[in-house]
Amino acid sequence: MAKKNSKTSTNKRMSVIKNEYMISNKKKEFRRELKGLQKQVKSQPQINDIDMDNKVKHTGINFSRSIDSTRPLRARDKKIIQRALKRKRKLITDVN
């Protein structure tokens, strides 16, 4: 019985090792593919019209500011304005 148990335990250990080996090989292969794609993208001629370094400031604000526009809008101010707009919409829908 002891021989059978040792065989099954070694088989289980071997299967775990094989699975880990296969998973690591798949990861390596995936990384190689990604690197190949990155090399292809880098080798393509670049478009000089688009600047990737310069980011637009204050993105995501799609409502007009009633506050001083020189300073950046705080999250608190944004919430207050959004609540006011929501109240306005609610009043308009209630009247109609």
PDB file of N, CA and C in Angstrom:
ATOM      1  N   MET A   1       0.818  -1.197   0.000  1.00  0.00           N
ATOM      2  CA  MET A   1       0.000   0.000   0.000  1.00  0.00           C
ATOM      3  C   MET A   1       0.862   1.261   0.000  1.00  0.00           C
ATOM      4  N   ALA A   2       1.991   1.167   0.720  1.00  0.00           N
ATOM      5  CA  ALA A   2       2.880   2.327   0.807  1.00  0.00           C
ATOM      6  C   ALA A   2       3.464   2.664  -0.559  1.00  0.00           C
ATOM      7  N   LYS A   3       3.778   1.620  -1.359  1.00  0.00           N
ATOM      8  CA  LYS A   3       4.315   1.868  -2.694  1.00  0.00           C
ATOM      9  C   LYS A   3       3.301   2.604  -3.561  1.00  0.00           C
ATOM     10  N   LYS A   4       2.047   2.168  -3.485  1.00  0.00           N
ATOM     11  CA  LYS A   4       0.992   2.774  -4.291  1.00  0.00           C
ATOM     12  C   LYS A   4       0.805   4.242  -3.906  1.00  0.00           C
ATOM     13  N   ASN A   5       0.811   4.523  -2.602  1.00  0.00           N
ATOM     14  CA  ASN A   5       0.656   5.898  -2.138  1.00  0.00           C
ATOM     15  C   ASN A   5       1.818   6.775  -2.591  1.00  0.00           C
ATOM     16  N   SER A   6       3.021   6.230  -2.532  1.00  0.00           N
ATOM     17  CA  SER A   6       4.183   7.023  -2.950  1.00  0.00           C
ATOM     18  C   SER A   6       4.135   7.289  -4.451  1.00  0.00           C
ATOM     19  N   LYS A   7       3.665   6.282  -5.216  1.00  0.00           N
ATOM     20  CA  LYS A   7       3.547   6.483  -6.665  1.00  0.00           C
ATOM     21  C   LYS A   7       2.532   7.571  -6.992  1.00  0.00           C
ATOM     22  N   THR A   8       1.372   7.517  -6.336  1.00  0.00           N
ATOM     23  CA  THR A   8       0.346   8.531  -6.619  1.00  0.00           C
ATOM     24  C   THR A   8       0.817   9.913  -6.192  1.00  0.00           C
ATOM     25  N   SER A   9       1.512   9.976  -5.061  1.00  0.00           N
ATOM     26  CA  SER A   9       1.987  11.292  -4.608  1.00  0.00           C
ATOM     27  C   SER A   9       3.045  11.845  -5.559  1.00  0.00           C
ATOM     28  N   THR A  10       3.943  10.970  -6.055  1.00  0.00           N
ATOM     29  CA  THR A  10       4.946  11.449  -7.018  1.00  0.00           C
ATOM     30  C   THR A  10       4.283  11.848  -8.330  1.00  0.00           C
ATOM     31  N   ASN A  11       3.272  11.095  -8.746  1.00  0.00           N
ATOM     32  CA  ASN A  11       2.549  11.459  -9.973  1.00  0.00           C
ATOM     33  C   ASN A  11       1.864  12.813  -9.825  1.00  0.00           C
ATOM     34  N   LYS A  12       1.261  13.046  -8.661  1.00  0.00           N
ATOM     35  CA  LYS A  12       0.605  14.333  -8.427  1.00  0.00           C
ATOM     36  C   LYS A  12       1.614  15.474  -8.456  1.00  0.00           C
ATOM     37  N   ARG A  13       2.764  15.244  -7.795  1.00  0.00           N
ATOM     38  CA  ARG A  13       3.802  16.278  -7.787  1.00  0.00           C
ATOM     39  C   ARG A  13       4.300  16.564  -9.195  1.00  0.00           C
ATOM     40  N   MET A  14       4.484  15.505  -9.972  1.00  0.00           N
ATOM     41  CA  MET A  14       4.946  15.676 -11.354  1.00  0.00           C
ATOM     42  C   MET A  14       3.922  16.432 -12.192  1.00  0.00           C
ATOM     43  N   SER A  15       2.644  16.126 -11.986  1.00  0.00           N
ATOM     44  CA  SER A  15       1.617  16.829 -12.758  1.00  0.00           C
ATOM     45  C   SER A  15       1.579  18.310 -12.382  1.00  0.00           C
ATOM     46  N   VAL A  16       1.771  18.613 -11.093  1.00  0.00           N
ATOM     47  CA  VAL A  16       1.806  20.015 -10.664  1.00  0.00           C
ATOM     48  C   VAL A  16       2.993  20.730 -11.302  1.00  0.00           C
ATOM     49  N   ILE A  17       4.146  20.066 -11.295  1.00  0.00           N
ATOM     50  CA  ILE A  17       5.350  20.657 -11.892  1.00  0.00           C
ATOM     51  C   ILE A  17       5.148  20.877 -13.388  1.00  0.00           C
ATOM     52  N   LYS A  18       4.544  19.893 -14.072  1.00  0.00           N
ATOM     53  CA  LYS A  18       4.277  20.029 -15.507  1.00  0.00           C
ATOM     54  C   LYS A  18       3.339  21.198 -15.780  1.00  0.00           C
ATOM     55  N   ASN A  19       2.276  21.307 -14.964  1.00  0.00           N
ATOM     56  CA  ASN A  19       1.329  22.410 -15.150  1.00  0.00           C
ATOM     57  C   ASN A  19       2.010  23.762 -14.973  1.00  0.00           C
ATOM     58  N   GLU A  20       2.833  23.881 -13.925  1.00  0.00           N
ATOM     59  CA  GLU A  20       3.545  25.139 -13.698  1.00  0.00           C
ATOM     60  C   GLU A  20       4.490  25.447 -14.855  1.00  0.00           C
ATOM     61  N   TYR A  21       5.155  24.423 -15.355  1.00  0.00           N
ATOM     62  CA  TYR A  21       6.074  24.590 -16.480  1.00  0.00           C
ATOM     63  C   TYR A  21       5.318  25.064 -17.724  1.00  0.00           C
ATOM     64  N   MET A  22       4.167  24.449 -17.994  1.00  0.00           N
ATOM     65  CA  MET A  22       3.366  24.837 -19.157  1.00  0.00           C
ATOM     66  C   MET A  22       2.872  26.275 -19.020  1.00  0.00           C
ATOM     67  N   ILE A  23       2.420  26.635 -17.825  1.00  0.00           N
ATOM     68  CA  ILE A  23       1.929  27.995 -17.598  1.00  0.00           C
ATOM     69  C   ILE A  23       3.055  29.005 -17.803  1.00  0.00           C
ATOM     70  N   SER A  24       4.243  28.703 -17.264  1.00  0.00           N
ATOM     71  CA  SER A  24       5.372  29.629 -17.423  1.00  0.00           C
ATOM     72  C   SER A  24       5.783  29.743 -18.888  1.00  0.00           C
ATOM     73  N   ASN A  25       5.728  28.634 -19.626  1.00  0.00           N
ATOM     74  CA  ASN A  25       6.049  28.683 -21.056  1.00  0.00           C
ATOM     75  C   ASN A  25       5.047  29.536 -21.822  1.00  0.00           C
ATOM     76  N   LYS A  26       3.761  29.406 -21.490  1.00  0.00           N
ATOM     77  CA  LYS A  26       2.740  30.221 -22.153  1.00  0.00           C
ATOM     78  C   LYS A  26       2.966  31.701 -21.880  1.00  0.00           C
ATOM     79  N   LYS A  27       3.327  32.026 -20.627  1.00  0.00           N
ATOM     80  CA  LYS A  27       3.594  33.424 -20.278  1.00  0.00           C
ATOM     81  C   LYS A  27       4.781  33.964 -21.063  1.00  0.00           C
ATOM     82  N   LYS A  28       5.844  33.148 -21.157  1.00  0.00           N
ATOM     83  CA  LYS A  28       7.030  33.567 -21.910  1.00  0.00           C
ATOM     84  C   LYS A  28       6.690  33.808 -23.375  1.00  0.00           C
ATOM     85  N   GLU A  29       5.893  32.904 -23.938  1.00  0.00           N
ATOM     86  CA  GLU A  29       5.496  33.031 -25.339  1.00  0.00           C
ATOM     87  C   GLU A  29       4.666  34.298 -25.555  1.00  0.00           C
ATOM     88  N   PHE A  30       3.759  34.566 -24.621  1.00  0.00           N
ATOM     89  CA  PHE A  30       2.922  35.764 -24.700  1.00  0.00           C
ATOM     90  C   PHE A  30       3.788  37.025 -24.638  1.00  0.00           C
ATOM     91  N   ARG A  31       4.781  37.016 -23.730  1.00  0.00           N
ATOM     92  CA  ARG A  31       5.688  38.165 -23.609  1.00  0.00           C
ATOM     93  C   ARG A  31       6.476  38.372 -24.900  1.00  0.00           C
ATOM     94  N   ARG A  32       6.927  37.277 -25.506  1.00  0.00           N
ATOM     95  CA  ARG A  32       7.667  37.375 -26.774  1.00  0.00           C
ATOM     96  C   ARG A  32       6.800  37.995 -27.863  1.00  0.00           C
ATOM     97  N   GLU A  33       5.538  37.564 -27.923  1.00  0.00           N
ATOM     98  CA  GLU A  33       4.620  38.122 -28.918  1.00  0.00           C
ATOM     99  C   GLU A  33       4.420  39.614 -28.689  1.00  0.00           C
ATOM    100  N   LEU A  34       4.241  39.999 -27.419  1.00  0.00           N
ATOM    101  CA  LEU A  34       4.059  41.415 -27.110  1.00  0.00           C
ATOM    102  C   LEU A  34       5.281  42.236 -27.498  1.00  0.00           C
ATOM    103  N   LYS A  35       6.460  41.707 -27.194  1.00  0.00           N
ATOM    104  CA  LYS A  35       7.686  42.421 -27.556  1.00  0.00           C
ATOM    105  C   LYS A  35       7.806  42.570 -29.066  1.00  0.00           C
ATOM    106  N   GLY A  36       7.420  41.521 -29.793  1.00  0.00           N
ATOM    107  CA  GLY A  36       7.441  41.598 -31.250  1.00  0.00           C
ATOM    108  C   GLY A  36       6.505  42.673 -31.768  1.00  0.00           C
ATOM    109  N   LEU A  37       5.307  42.740 -31.181  1.00  0.00           N
ATOM    110  CA  LEU A  37       4.358  43.774 -31.589  1.00  0.00           C
ATOM    111  C   LEU A  37       4.886  45.167 -31.262  1.00  0.00           C
ATOM    112  N   GLN A  38       5.513  45.306 -30.087  1.00  0.00           N
ATOM    113  CA  GLN A  38       6.082  46.602 -29.716  1.00  0.00           C
ATOM    114  C   GLN A  38       7.173  47.017 -30.697  1.00  0.00           C
ATOM    115  N   LYS A  39       7.997  46.067 -31.104  1.00  0.00           N
ATOM    116  CA  LYS A  39       9.057  46.374 -32.070  1.00  0.00           C
ATOM    117  C   LYS A  39       8.463  46.812 -33.402  1.00  0.00           C
ATOM    118  N   GLN A  40       7.371  46.152 -33.821  1.00  0.00           N
ATOM    119  CA  GLN A  40       6.719  46.534 -35.072  1.00  0.00           C
ATOM    120  C   GLN A  40       6.181  47.952 -34.992  1.00  0.00           C
ATOM    121  N   VAL A  41       5.565  48.284 -33.860  1.00  0.00           N
ATOM    122  CA  VAL A  41       5.004  49.626 -33.700  1.00  0.00           C
ATOM    123  C   VAL A  41       6.114  50.670 -33.689  1.00  0.00           C
ATOM    124  N   LYS A  42       7.217  50.363 -32.994  1.00  0.00           N
ATOM    125  CA  LYS A  42       8.331  51.312 -32.921  1.00  0.00           C
ATOM    126  C   LYS A  42       8.999  51.491 -34.274  1.00  0.00           C
ATOM    127  N   SER A  43       9.018  50.437 -35.088  1.00  0.00           N
ATOM    128  CA  SER A  43       9.686  50.512 -36.385  1.00  0.00           C
ATOM    129  C   SER A  43       8.857  51.263 -37.425  1.00  0.00           C
ATOM    130  N   GLN A  44       7.562  51.454 -37.170  1.00  0.00           N
ATOM    131  CA  GLN A  44       6.716  52.184 -38.112  1.00  0.00           C
ATOM    132  C   GLN A  44       7.118  53.657 -38.138  1.00  0.00           C
ATOM    133  N   PRO A  45       6.959  54.314 -39.296  1.00  0.00           N
ATOM    134  CA  PRO A  45       7.294  55.750 -39.348  1.00  0.00           C
ATOM    135  C   PRO A  45       6.352  56.550 -38.444  1.00  0.00           C
ATOM    136  N   GLN A  46       6.941  57.475 -37.685  1.00  0.00           N
ATOM    137  CA  GLN A  46       6.146  58.244 -36.735  1.00  0.00           C
ATOM    138  C   GLN A  46       5.491  59.435 -37.412  1.00  0.00           C
ATOM    139  N   ILE A  47       4.313  59.803 -36.905  1.00  0.00           N
ATOM    140  CA  ILE A  47       3.596  60.978 -37.396  1.00  0.00           C
ATOM    141  C   ILE A  47       4.011  62.151 -36.521  1.00  0.00           C
ATOM    142  N   ASN A  48       4.586  63.170 -37.123  1.00  0.00           N
ATOM    143  CA  ASN A  48       5.095  64.300 -36.350  1.00  0.00           C
ATOM    144  C   ASN A  48       4.005  65.290 -35.960  1.00  0.00           C
ATOM    145  N   ASP A  49       2.818  65.183 -36.562  1.00  0.00           N
ATOM    146  CA  ASP A  49       1.744  66.133 -36.252  1.00  0.00           C
ATOM    147  C   ASP A  49       1.189  65.930 -34.853  1.00  0.00           C
ATOM    148  N   ILE A  50       1.238  64.714 -34.349  1.00  0.00           N
ATOM    149  CA  ILE A  50       0.634  64.406 -33.054  1.00  0.00           C
ATOM    150  C   ILE A  50       1.714  64.417 -31.982  1.00  0.00           C
ATOM    151  N   ASP A  51       1.496  65.221 -30.940  1.00  0.00           N
ATOM    152  CA  ASP A  51       2.414  65.238 -29.801  1.00  0.00           C
ATOM    153  C   ASP A  51       1.837  64.358 -28.712  1.00  0.00           C
ATOM    154  N   MET A  52       2.523  63.279 -28.393  1.00  0.00           N
ATOM    155  CA  MET A  52       2.041  62.372 -27.359  1.00  0.00           C
ATOM    156  C   MET A  52       2.443  62.844 -25.966  1.00  0.00           C
ATOM    157  N   ASP A  53       3.449  63.718 -25.884  1.00  0.00           N
ATOM    158  CA  ASP A  53       3.948  64.149 -24.581  1.00  0.00           C
ATOM    159  C   ASP A  53       3.044  65.187 -23.930  1.00  0.00           C
ATOM    160  N   ASN A  54       2.482  66.082 -24.736  1.00  0.00           N
ATOM    161  CA  ASN A  54       1.680  67.168 -24.173  1.00  0.00           C
ATOM    162  C   ASN A  54       0.275  66.681 -23.864  1.00  0.00           C
ATOM    163  N   LYS A  55      -0.111  66.803 -22.590  1.00  0.00           N
ATOM    164  CA  LYS A  55      -1.448  66.397 -22.187  1.00  0.00           C
ATOM    165  C   LYS A  55      -2.318  67.633 -22.014  1.00  0.00           C
ATOM    166  N   VAL A  56      -3.589  67.505 -22.339  1.00  0.00           N
ATOM    167  CA  VAL A  56      -4.523  68.607 -22.175  1.00  0.00           C
ATOM    168  C   VAL A  56      -4.871  68.721 -20.703  1.00  0.00           C
ATOM    169  N   LYS A  57      -4.810  69.947 -20.195  1.00  0.00           N
ATOM    170  CA  LYS A  57      -5.127  70.139 -18.781  1.00  0.00           C
ATOM    171  C   LYS A  57      -6.630  70.241 -18.602  1.00  0.00           C
ATOM    172  N   HIS A  58      -7.107  69.865 -17.424  1.00  0.00           N
ATOM    173  CA  HIS A  58      -8.513  69.970 -17.017  1.00  0.00           C
ATOM    174  C   HIS A  58      -9.437  69.197 -17.957  1.00  0.00           C
ATOM    175  N   THR A  59      -9.112  67.948 -18.211  1.00  0.00           N
ATOM    176  CA  THR A  59      -9.996  67.145 -19.053  1.00  0.00           C
ATOM    177  C   THR A  59     -11.150  66.619 -18.219  1.00  0.00           C
ATOM    178  N   GLY A  60     -12.238  66.331 -18.845  1.00  0.00           N
ATOM    179  CA  GLY A  60     -13.364  65.720 -18.162  1.00  0.00           C
ATOM    180  C   GLY A  60     -14.351  66.701 -17.578  1.00  0.00           C
ATOM    181  N   ILE A  61     -14.127  68.004 -17.720  1.00  0.00           N
ATOM    182  CA  ILE A  61     -15.074  68.992 -17.204  1.00  0.00           C
ATOM    183  C   ILE A  61     -15.907  69.458 -18.395  1.00  0.00           C
ATOM    184  N   ASN A  62     -17.141  69.056 -18.429  1.00  0.00           N
ATOM    185  CA  ASN A  62     -17.961  69.341 -19.604  1.00  0.00           C
ATOM    186  C   ASN A  62     -19.075  70.331 -19.311  1.00  0.00           C
ATOM    187  N   PHE A  63     -18.955  71.097 -18.234  1.00  0.00           N
ATOM    188  CA  PHE A  63     -19.953  72.122 -17.955  1.00  0.00           C
ATOM    189  C   PHE A  63     -19.249  73.449 -17.743  1.00  0.00           C
ATOM    190  N   SER A  64     -19.966  74.546 -17.986  1.00  0.00           N
ATOM    191  CA  SER A  64     -19.344  75.865 -17.890  1.00  0.00           C
ATOM    192  C   SER A  64     -19.090  76.220 -16.437  1.00  0.00           C
ATOM    193  N   ARG A  65     -18.024  76.944 -16.215  1.00  0.00           N
ATOM    194  CA  ARG A  65     -17.664  77.324 -14.854  1.00  0.00           C
ATOM    195  C   ARG A  65     -18.248  78.689 -14.532  1.00  0.00           C
ATOM    196  N   SER A  66     -18.933  78.762 -13.410  1.00  0.00           N
ATOM    197  CA  SER A  66     -19.413  80.064 -12.959  1.00  0.00           C
ATOM    198  C   SER A  66     -18.395  80.687 -12.014  1.00  0.00           C
ATOM    199  N   ILE A  67     -17.366  79.908 -11.652  1.00  0.00           N
ATOM    200  CA  ILE A  67     -16.328  80.383 -10.751  1.00  0.00           C
ATOM    201  C   ILE A  67     -15.177  80.937 -11.589  1.00  0.00           C
ATOM    202  N   ASP A  68     -14.212  81.542 -10.949  1.00  0.00           N
ATOM    203  CA  ASP A  68     -13.037  82.087 -11.618  1.00  0.00           C
ATOM    204  C   ASP A  68     -12.352  80.978 -12.418  1.00  0.00           C
ATOM    205  N   SER A  69     -12.164  81.202 -13.709  1.00  0.00           N
ATOM    206  CA  SER A  69     -11.648  80.140 -14.574  1.00  0.00           C
ATOM    207  C   SER A  69     -10.127  80.032 -14.537  1.00  0.00           C
ATOM    208  N   THR A  70      -9.449  80.949 -13.862  1.00  0.00           N
ATOM    209  CA  THR A  70      -7.984  80.879 -13.845  1.00  0.00           C
ATOM    210  C   THR A  70      -7.492  79.781 -12.917  1.00  0.00           C
ATOM    211  N   ARG A  71      -8.193  79.542 -11.805  1.00  0.00           N
ATOM    212  CA  ARG A  71      -7.745  78.489 -10.887  1.00  0.00           C
ATOM    213  C   ARG A  71      -8.418  77.168 -11.255  1.00  0.00           C
ATOM    214  N   PRO A  72      -7.745  76.051 -10.983  1.00  0.00           N
ATOM    215  CA  PRO A  72      -8.353  74.747 -11.313  1.00  0.00           C
ATOM    216  C   PRO A  72      -9.579  74.467 -10.450  1.00  0.00           C
ATOM    217  N   LEU A  73     -10.509  73.743 -11.002  1.00  0.00           N
ATOM    218  CA  LEU A  73     -11.764  73.433 -10.320  1.00  0.00           C
ATOM    219  C   LEU A  73     -11.531  72.315  -9.314  1.00  0.00           C
ATOM    220  N   ARG A  74     -11.926  72.539  -8.067  1.00  0.00           N
ATOM    221  CA  ARG A  74     -11.770  71.520  -7.036  1.00  0.00           C
ATOM    222  C   ARG A  74     -12.901  70.504  -7.158  1.00  0.00           C
ATOM    223  N   ALA A  75     -12.680  69.342  -6.575  1.00  0.00           N
ATOM    224  CA  ALA A  75     -13.692  68.281  -6.617  1.00  0.00           C
ATOM    225  C   ALA A  75     -14.954  68.729  -5.891  1.00  0.00           C
ATOM    226  N   ARG A  76     -14.775  69.483  -4.818  1.00  0.00           N
ATOM    227  CA  ARG A  76     -15.930  69.971  -4.056  1.00  0.00           C
ATOM    228  C   ARG A  76     -16.787  70.907  -4.909  1.00  0.00           C
ATOM    229  N   ASP A  77     -16.124  71.841  -5.620  1.00  0.00           N
ATOM    230  CA  ASP A  77     -16.853  72.760  -6.501  1.00  0.00           C
ATOM    231  C   ASP A  77     -17.585  71.991  -7.592  1.00  0.00           C
ATOM    232  N   LYS A  78     -16.915  70.987  -8.123  1.00  0.00           N
ATOM    233  CA  LYS A  78     -17.504  70.178  -9.184  1.00  0.00           C
ATOM    234  C   LYS A  78     -18.783  69.505  -8.695  1.00  0.00           C
ATOM    235  N   LYS A  79     -18.725  68.927  -7.471  1.00  0.00           N
ATOM    236  CA  LYS A  79     -19.901  68.263  -6.910  1.00  0.00           C
ATOM    237  C   LYS A  79     -21.040  69.245  -6.705  1.00  0.00           C
ATOM    238  N   ILE A  80     -20.725  70.443  -6.207  1.00  0.00           N
ATOM    239  CA  ILE A  80     -21.761  71.461  -5.978  1.00  0.00           C
ATOM    240  C   ILE A  80     -22.436  71.829  -7.289  1.00  0.00           C
ATOM    241  N   ILE A  81     -21.633  72.037  -8.334  1.00  0.00           N
ATOM    242  CA  ILE A  81     -22.193  72.413  -9.638  1.00  0.00           C
ATOM    243  C   ILE A  81     -23.031  71.273 -10.202  1.00  0.00           C
ATOM    244  N   GLN A  82     -22.542  70.038 -10.062  1.00  0.00           N
ATOM    245  CA  GLN A  82     -23.298  68.895 -10.579  1.00  0.00           C
ATOM    246  C   GLN A  82     -24.640  68.748  -9.866  1.00  0.00           C
ATOM    247  N   ARG A  83     -24.645  68.963  -8.535  1.00  0.00           N
ATOM    248  CA  ARG A  83     -25.911  68.891  -7.796  1.00  0.00           C
ATOM    249  C   ARG A  83     -26.873  69.975  -8.251  1.00  0.00           C
ATOM    250  N   ALA A  84     -26.344  71.180  -8.477  1.00  0.00           N
ATOM    251  CA  ALA A  84     -27.196  72.283  -8.930  1.00  0.00           C
ATOM    252  C   ALA A  84     -27.806  71.964 -10.292  1.00  0.00           C
ATOM    253  N   LEU A  85     -26.992  71.426 -11.197  1.00  0.00           N
ATOM    254  CA  LEU A  85     -27.504  71.065 -12.523  1.00  0.00           C
ATOM    255  C   LEU A  85     -28.559  69.963 -12.419  1.00  0.00           C
ATOM    256  N   LYS A  86     -28.328  68.999 -11.526  1.00  0.00           N
ATOM    257  CA  LYS A  86     -29.287  67.911 -11.331  1.00  0.00           C
ATOM    258  C   LYS A  86     -30.611  68.459 -10.816  1.00  0.00           C
ATOM    259  N   ARG A  87     -30.517  69.403  -9.839  1.00  0.00           N
ATOM    260  CA  ARG A  87     -31.736  70.023  -9.307  1.00  0.00           C
ATOM    261  C   ARG A  87     -32.501  70.752 -10.400  1.00  0.00           C
ATOM    262  N   LYS A  88     -31.762  71.486 -11.257  1.00  0.00           N
ATOM    263  CA  LYS A  88     -32.403  72.215 -12.359  1.00  0.00           C
ATOM    264  C   LYS A  88     -33.142  71.249 -13.279  1.00  0.00           C
ATOM    265  N   ARG A  89     -32.469  70.156 -13.654  1.00  0.00           N
ATOM    266  CA  ARG A  89     -33.101  69.171 -14.539  1.00  0.00           C
ATOM    267  C   ARG A  89     -34.338  68.565 -13.894  1.00  0.00           C
ATOM    268  N   LYS A  90     -34.245  68.291 -12.596  1.00  0.00           N
ATOM    269  CA  LYS A  90     -35.364  67.693 -11.880  1.00  0.00           C
ATOM    270  C   LYS A  90     -36.553  68.647 -11.851  1.00  0.00           C
ATOM    271  N   LEU A  91     -36.280  69.942 -11.607  1.00  0.00           N
ATOM    272  CA  LEU A  91     -37.351  70.940 -11.593  1.00  0.00           C
ATOM    273  C   LEU A  91     -38.008  71.050 -12.962  1.00  0.00           C
ATOM    274  N   ILE A  92     -37.194  71.025 -14.011  1.00  0.00           N
ATOM    275  CA  ILE A  92     -37.729  71.140 -15.373  1.00  0.00           C
ATOM    276  C   ILE A  92     -38.615  69.943 -15.695  1.00  0.00           C
ATOM    277  N   THR A  93     -38.186  68.732 -15.320  1.00  0.00           N
ATOM    278  CA  THR A  93     -38.990  67.541 -15.618  1.00  0.00           C
ATOM    279  C   THR A  93     -40.264  67.511 -14.775  1.00  0.00           C
ATOM    280  N   ASP A  94     -40.206  68.029 -13.531  1.00  0.00           N
ATOM    281  CA  ASP A  94     -41.404  68.063 -12.688  1.00  0.00           C
ATOM    282  C   ASP A  94     -42.438  69.041 -13.225  1.00  0.00           C
ATOM    283  N   VAL A  95     -41.987  70.166 -13.771  1.00  0.00           N
ATOM    284  CA  VAL A  95     -42.902  71.179 -14.308  1.00  0.00           C
ATOM    285  C   VAL A  95     -43.590  70.648 -15.558  1.00  0.00           C
ATOM    286  N   ASN A  96     -42.833  69.939 -16.401  1.00  0.00           N
ATOM    287  CA  ASN A  96     -43.407  69.408 -17.642  1.00  0.00           C
ATOM    288  C   ASN A  96     -44.289  68.264 -17.284  1.00  0.00           C
TER     289      ASN A  96
END
